[in-house]
């Protein structure tokens, strides 16, 4: 069975919200277009390794609420954990 992973995906509107909500804005690309370019490269690299990589559309308000529930800052590790959780919920992957 191919390992399934997720990559957080944002609309331009959600990207603008994300930039305002995160505790680590310096780790994000400077613009939506730059982020999208980078995200597509990462998606391609993951798929080249034979992994089943899913784009997971993120609603920032839900991400922020999840982080509050978990007692986490809205930072890179929390975003990754949230996307992993969404992949598990949507595709039935075991924890």
C-alpha atoms as a PDB file:
ATOM      1  CA  UNK A   1       0.000   0.000   0.000  1.00  0.00           C
ATOM      2  CA  UNK A   2       1.321   3.427  -0.978  1.00  0.00           C
ATOM      3  CA  UNK A   3       1.823   5.828   1.896  1.00  0.00           C
ATOM      4  CA  UNK A   4      -0.599   8.749   1.761  1.00  0.00           C
ATOM      5  CA  UNK A   5       0.493  12.217   2.827  1.00  0.00           C
ATOM      6  CA  UNK A   6      -1.132  15.617   2.619  1.00  0.00           C
ATOM      7  CA  UNK A   7       0.002  19.077   1.720  1.00  0.00           C
ATOM      8  CA  UNK A   8      -1.950  22.075   2.947  1.00  0.00           C
ATOM      9  CA  UNK A   9      -3.519  23.993   0.101  1.00  0.00           C
ATOM     10  CA  UNK A  10      -4.944  27.490   0.227  1.00  0.00           C
ATOM     11  CA  UNK A  11      -7.075  29.741  -1.918  1.00  0.00           C
ATOM     12  CA  UNK A  12      -5.799  33.311  -2.287  1.00  0.00           C
ATOM     13  CA  UNK A  13      -8.330  34.445   0.344  1.00  0.00           C
ATOM     14  CA  UNK A  14      -7.341  31.764   2.827  1.00  0.00           C
ATOM     15  CA  UNK A  15      -3.662  32.520   2.181  1.00  0.00           C
ATOM     16  CA  UNK A  16      -4.267  36.161   3.163  1.00  0.00           C
ATOM     17  CA  UNK A  17      -5.967  34.971   6.371  1.00  0.00           C
ATOM     18  CA  UNK A  18      -3.131  32.552   7.062  1.00  0.00           C
ATOM     19  CA  UNK A  19      -0.495  35.282   6.821  1.00  0.00           C
ATOM     20  CA  UNK A  20      -2.346  37.211   9.534  1.00  0.00           C
ATOM     21  CA  UNK A  21      -3.047  34.217  11.797  1.00  0.00           C
ATOM     22  CA  UNK A  22       0.318  32.471  12.032  1.00  0.00           C
ATOM     23  CA  UNK A  23       2.894  32.929  14.742  1.00  0.00           C
ATOM     24  CA  UNK A  24       5.724  32.375  12.248  1.00  0.00           C
ATOM     25  CA  UNK A  25       4.993  34.578   9.204  1.00  0.00           C
ATOM     26  CA  UNK A  26       8.700  34.721   8.376  1.00  0.00           C
ATOM     27  CA  UNK A  27       8.515  31.028   7.431  1.00  0.00           C
ATOM     28  CA  UNK A  28       5.872  31.668   4.770  1.00  0.00           C
ATOM     29  CA  UNK A  29       6.511  32.798   1.224  1.00  0.00           C
ATOM     30  CA  UNK A  30       6.124  36.519   0.609  1.00  0.00           C
ATOM     31  CA  UNK A  31       3.155  36.178  -1.731  1.00  0.00           C
ATOM     32  CA  UNK A  32       0.414  33.752  -2.662  1.00  0.00           C
ATOM     33  CA  UNK A  33       1.935  33.205  -6.101  1.00  0.00           C
ATOM     34  CA  UNK A  34       5.349  32.418  -4.610  1.00  0.00           C
ATOM     35  CA  UNK A  35       3.744  30.017  -2.136  1.00  0.00           C
ATOM     36  CA  UNK A  36       1.735  28.289  -4.882  1.00  0.00           C
ATOM     37  CA  UNK A  37       4.860  27.828  -6.987  1.00  0.00           C
ATOM     38  CA  UNK A  38       6.737  26.331  -4.023  1.00  0.00           C
ATOM     39  CA  UNK A  39       3.803  24.131  -3.017  1.00  0.00           C
ATOM     40  CA  UNK A  40       3.494  22.724  -6.528  1.00  0.00           C
ATOM     41  CA  UNK A  41       7.204  21.872  -6.512  1.00  0.00           C
ATOM     42  CA  UNK A  42       6.880  20.090  -3.167  1.00  0.00           C
ATOM     43  CA  UNK A  43       3.793  18.224  -4.382  1.00  0.00           C
ATOM     44  CA  UNK A  44       5.682  17.072  -7.469  1.00  0.00           C
ATOM     45  CA  UNK A  45       8.740  16.002  -5.440  1.00  0.00           C
ATOM     46  CA  UNK A  46       6.615  13.971  -3.027  1.00  0.00           C
ATOM     47  CA  UNK A  47       4.788  12.245  -5.861  1.00  0.00           C
ATOM     48  CA  UNK A  48       8.102  11.484  -7.604  1.00  0.00           C
ATOM     49  CA  UNK A  49       9.056   9.506  -4.498  1.00  0.00           C
ATOM     50  CA  UNK A  50       6.045   7.288  -5.096  1.00  0.00           C
ATOM     51  CA  UNK A  51       3.899   8.664  -2.305  1.00  0.00           C
ATOM     52  CA  UNK A  52       0.192   9.411  -2.683  1.00  0.00           C
ATOM     53  CA  UNK A  53       0.192  13.140  -1.950  1.00  0.00           C
ATOM     54  CA  UNK A  54      -3.172  14.834  -1.549  1.00  0.00           C
ATOM     55  CA  UNK A  55      -3.824  18.542  -1.711  1.00  0.00           C
ATOM     56  CA  UNK A  56      -5.825  19.351   1.404  1.00  0.00           C
ATOM     57  CA  UNK A  57      -7.702  22.631   1.219  1.00  0.00           C
ATOM     58  CA  UNK A  58      -7.363  24.407   4.537  1.00  0.00           C
ATOM     59  CA  UNK A  59      -9.885  26.803   6.016  1.00  0.00           C
ATOM     60  CA  UNK A  60      -7.817  29.039   8.236  1.00  0.00           C
ATOM     61  CA  UNK A  61     -10.613  29.704  10.738  1.00  0.00           C
ATOM     62  CA  UNK A  62     -10.899  25.937  11.290  1.00  0.00           C
ATOM     63  CA  UNK A  63      -7.123  25.608  11.563  1.00  0.00           C
ATOM     64  CA  UNK A  64      -7.008  28.356  14.197  1.00  0.00           C
ATOM     65  CA  UNK A  65      -9.866  26.733  16.154  1.00  0.00           C
ATOM     66  CA  UNK A  66      -8.095  23.352  16.018  1.00  0.00           C
ATOM     67  CA  UNK A  67      -4.866  24.920  17.273  1.00  0.00           C
ATOM     68  CA  UNK A  68      -6.750  26.523  20.186  1.00  0.00           C
ATOM     69  CA  UNK A  69      -8.345  23.183  21.083  1.00  0.00           C
ATOM     70  CA  UNK A  70      -4.926  21.523  20.983  1.00  0.00           C
ATOM     71  CA  UNK A  71      -3.231  24.316  22.934  1.00  0.00           C
ATOM     72  CA  UNK A  72      -0.865  24.976  20.050  1.00  0.00           C
ATOM     73  CA  UNK A  73       0.482  28.062  18.328  1.00  0.00           C
ATOM     74  CA  UNK A  74      -0.523  28.444  14.687  1.00  0.00           C
ATOM     75  CA  UNK A  75       2.932  27.582  13.364  1.00  0.00           C
ATOM     76  CA  UNK A  76       4.541  25.230  10.877  1.00  0.00           C
ATOM     77  CA  UNK A  77       4.452  22.085  13.036  1.00  0.00           C
ATOM     78  CA  UNK A  78       0.804  22.726  13.965  1.00  0.00           C
ATOM     79  CA  UNK A  79      -0.151  23.318  10.333  1.00  0.00           C
ATOM     80  CA  UNK A  80       1.502  20.035   9.365  1.00  0.00           C
ATOM     81  CA  UNK A  81      -0.242  18.163  12.191  1.00  0.00           C
ATOM     82  CA  UNK A  82      -3.586  19.669  11.200  1.00  0.00           C
ATOM     83  CA  UNK A  83      -3.185  18.612   7.564  1.00  0.00           C
ATOM     84  CA  UNK A  84      -2.207  15.110   8.721  1.00  0.00           C
ATOM     85  CA  UNK A  85      -5.381  15.007  10.813  1.00  0.00           C
ATOM     86  CA  UNK A  86      -7.490  16.114   7.839  1.00  0.00           C
ATOM     87  CA  UNK A  87      -5.949  13.398   5.654  1.00  0.00           C
ATOM     88  CA  UNK A  88      -6.798  10.791   8.276  1.00  0.00           C
ATOM     89  CA  UNK A  89     -10.389  12.015   8.550  1.00  0.00           C
ATOM     90  CA  UNK A  90     -10.994  12.258   4.813  1.00  0.00           C
ATOM     91  CA  UNK A  91      -9.234   9.140   3.620  1.00  0.00           C
ATOM     92  CA  UNK A  92      -9.522   6.841   6.612  1.00  0.00           C
ATOM     93  CA  UNK A  93      -5.804   6.462   7.177  1.00  0.00           C
ATOM     94  CA  UNK A  94      -4.940   4.995  10.563  1.00  0.00           C
ATOM     95  CA  UNK A  95      -3.422   7.368  13.132  1.00  0.00           C
END
